Amino acid sequence: MFTSLPVTAALTAPAEVPAGGRFEDDWQGPDNQGDYVTIVPAGSPEGSYESYFDTRNGSPGTLVAPAESGAFEVRYVSGQSAKTLSSSPIRVR
């Protein structure tokens, strides 16, 4: 018998970053082909992305915060399905 387990991922993003600033994000996940970590406005539709890095480059990766302030999310996204596997809130000030 074959049992399928859910794919999981985890992110460790800072709680707050300056607008336009670079920051590192530690991640854990399946690291499948095409997987990436991105920052997007909070509540953005699946598949949205702005600054991103490919997980194939290892952890941590570097993102650039948007130039505008507000509520955002750092997301680990599956390259196979474009679905968010994990997200972490982040405030851009």
C-alpha atoms as a PDB file:
ATOM      1  CA  MET A   1       0.000   0.000   0.000  1.00  0.00           C
ATOM      2  CA  PHE A   2       1.198   3.506  -0.846  1.00  0.00           C
ATOM      3  CA  THR A   3       0.607   6.339   1.617  1.00  0.00           C
ATOM      4  CA  SER A   4       0.862   9.940   0.477  1.00  0.00           C
ATOM      5  CA  LEU A   5       2.077  12.480   3.019  1.00  0.00           C
ATOM      6  CA  PRO A   6       1.464  16.227   2.728  1.00  0.00           C
ATOM      7  CA  VAL A   7       4.374  18.333   1.522  1.00  0.00           C
ATOM      8  CA  THR A   8       5.462  20.848   4.118  1.00  0.00           C
ATOM      9  CA  ALA A   9       7.695  23.884   4.235  1.00  0.00           C
ATOM     10  CA  ALA A  10       8.740  26.419   6.875  1.00  0.00           C
ATOM     11  CA  LEU A  11      10.032  29.991   6.737  1.00  0.00           C
ATOM     12  CA  THR A  12      11.911  32.158   9.223  1.00  0.00           C
ATOM     13  CA  ALA A  13      11.424  35.729   8.039  1.00  0.00           C
ATOM     14  CA  PRO A  14      12.020  38.832  10.155  1.00  0.00           C
ATOM     15  CA  ALA A  15       8.886  40.462  11.574  1.00  0.00           C
ATOM     16  CA  GLU A  16       9.720  43.833  10.017  1.00  0.00           C
ATOM     17  CA  VAL A  17      12.052  45.177   7.322  1.00  0.00           C
ATOM     18  CA  PRO A  18      12.726  48.633   5.847  1.00  0.00           C
ATOM     19  CA  ALA A  19      11.107  49.509   2.502  1.00  0.00           C
ATOM     20  CA  GLY A  20      13.439  48.624  -0.362  1.00  0.00           C
ATOM     21  CA  GLY A  21      15.850  46.833   1.983  1.00  0.00           C
ATOM     22  CA  ARG A  22      17.458  43.465   1.411  1.00  0.00           C
ATOM     23  CA  PHE A  23      16.863  40.733   3.985  1.00  0.00           C
ATOM     24  CA  GLU A  24      17.616  37.047   4.435  1.00  0.00           C
ATOM     25  CA  ASP A  25      15.037  34.339   4.901  1.00  0.00           C
ATOM     26  CA  ASP A  26      15.829  30.861   6.217  1.00  0.00           C
ATOM     27  CA  TRP A  27      13.613  28.165   4.773  1.00  0.00           C
ATOM     28  CA  GLN A  28      13.008  24.426   4.972  1.00  0.00           C
ATOM     29  CA  GLY A  29      11.041  22.574   2.350  1.00  0.00           C
ATOM     30  CA  PRO A  30      11.035  19.929  -0.335  1.00  0.00           C
ATOM     31  CA  ASP A  31      13.352  21.955  -2.626  1.00  0.00           C
ATOM     32  CA  ASN A  32      11.767  20.447  -5.724  1.00  0.00           C
ATOM     33  CA  GLN A  33      12.564  21.731  -9.178  1.00  0.00           C
ATOM     34  CA  GLY A  34      11.198  25.250  -9.611  1.00  0.00           C
ATOM     35  CA  ASP A  35      10.387  25.873  -5.927  1.00  0.00           C
ATOM     36  CA  TYR A  36      10.928  29.465  -4.824  1.00  0.00           C
ATOM     37  CA  VAL A  37      10.466  31.908  -1.945  1.00  0.00           C
ATOM     38  CA  THR A  38       8.868  35.292  -2.626  1.00  0.00           C
ATOM     39  CA  ILE A  39       7.456  38.363  -0.892  1.00  0.00           C
ATOM     40  CA  VAL A  40       3.982  39.587  -1.886  1.00  0.00           C
ATOM     41  CA  PRO A  41       1.304  41.902  -0.481  1.00  0.00           C
ATOM     42  CA  ALA A  42      -0.712  40.132   2.239  1.00  0.00           C
ATOM     43  CA  GLY A  43      -3.678  38.275   0.750  1.00  0.00           C
ATOM     44  CA  SER A  44      -2.299  38.150  -2.812  1.00  0.00           C
ATOM     45  CA  PRO A  45      -3.724  35.394  -5.040  1.00  0.00           C
ATOM     46  CA  GLU A  46      -1.874  32.087  -5.425  1.00  0.00           C
ATOM     47  CA  GLY A  47       0.908  32.337  -7.993  1.00  0.00           C
ATOM     48  CA  SER A  48       1.659  36.004  -7.269  1.00  0.00           C
ATOM     49  CA  TYR A  49       5.304  36.913  -6.838  1.00  0.00           C
ATOM     50  CA  GLU A  50       7.569  39.914  -6.614  1.00  0.00           C
ATOM     51  CA  SER A  51      11.163  39.671  -5.378  1.00  0.00           C
ATOM     52  CA  TYR A  52      12.037  35.957  -5.174  1.00  0.00           C
ATOM     53  CA  PHE A  53      14.845  33.437  -4.974  1.00  0.00           C
ATOM     54  CA  ASP A  54      15.031  29.829  -6.143  1.00  0.00           C
ATOM     55  CA  THR A  55      15.362  27.280  -3.347  1.00  0.00           C
ATOM     56  CA  ARG A  56      17.984  25.387  -5.379  1.00  0.00           C
ATOM     57  CA  ASN A  57      20.444  28.086  -4.261  1.00  0.00           C
ATOM     58  CA  GLY A  58      20.146  26.962  -0.624  1.00  0.00           C
ATOM     59  CA  SER A  59      19.092  28.494   2.658  1.00  0.00           C
ATOM     60  CA  PRO A  60      19.119  31.271   3.578  1.00  0.00           C
ATOM     61  CA  GLY A  61      18.119  33.241   0.499  1.00  0.00           C
ATOM     62  CA  THR A  62      17.924  36.991  -0.005  1.00  0.00           C
ATOM     63  CA  LEU A  63      14.800  38.991  -0.872  1.00  0.00           C
ATOM     64  CA  VAL A  64      14.299  42.693  -1.532  1.00  0.00           C
ATOM     65  CA  ALA A  65      11.412  44.335   0.313  1.00  0.00           C
ATOM     66  CA  PRO A  66       8.968  46.367  -1.773  1.00  0.00           C
ATOM     67  CA  ALA A  67       9.471  50.138  -1.890  1.00  0.00           C
ATOM     68  CA  GLU A  68       6.046  50.771  -0.326  1.00  0.00           C
ATOM     69  CA  SER A  69       5.235  50.084   3.314  1.00  0.00           C
ATOM     70  CA  GLY A  70       2.477  47.803   4.538  1.00  0.00           C
ATOM     71  CA  ALA A  71       1.547  44.214   5.321  1.00  0.00           C
ATOM     72  CA  PHE A  72       3.218  41.522   3.222  1.00  0.00           C
ATOM     73  CA  GLU A  73       3.826  37.774   3.266  1.00  0.00           C
ATOM     74  CA  VAL A  74       6.932  35.743   2.576  1.00  0.00           C
ATOM     75  CA  ARG A  75       5.815  32.560   0.798  1.00  0.00           C
ATOM     76  CA  TYR A  76       7.416  29.220  -0.040  1.00  0.00           C
ATOM     77  CA  VAL A  77       5.839  28.274  -3.385  1.00  0.00           C
ATOM     78  CA  SER A  78       5.841  24.910  -5.139  1.00  0.00           C
ATOM     79  CA  GLY A  79       7.310  25.152  -8.622  1.00  0.00           C
ATOM     80  CA  GLN A  80       5.187  22.197  -9.703  1.00  0.00           C
ATOM     81  CA  SER A  81       1.761  23.520  -8.686  1.00  0.00           C
ATOM     82  CA  ALA A  82       2.373  27.250  -7.947  1.00  0.00           C
ATOM     83  CA  LYS A  83       0.656  26.640  -4.576  1.00  0.00           C
ATOM     84  CA  THR A  84       1.871  28.240  -1.362  1.00  0.00           C
ATOM     85  CA  LEU A  85       3.279  25.574   0.967  1.00  0.00           C
ATOM     86  CA  SER A  86       4.095  27.977   3.802  1.00  0.00           C
ATOM     87  CA  SER A  87       3.764  31.697   4.495  1.00  0.00           C
ATOM     88  CA  SER A  88       4.989  34.113   7.126  1.00  0.00           C
ATOM     89  CA  PRO A  89       3.676  37.656   7.733  1.00  0.00           C
ATOM     90  CA  ILE A  90       6.153  40.513   7.426  1.00  0.00           C
ATOM     91  CA  ARG A  91       5.733  44.256   7.825  1.00  0.00           C
ATOM     92  CA  VAL A  92       7.513  46.652   5.473  1.00  0.00           C
ATOM     93  CA  ARG A  93       8.067  50.067   7.062  1.00  0.00           C
END
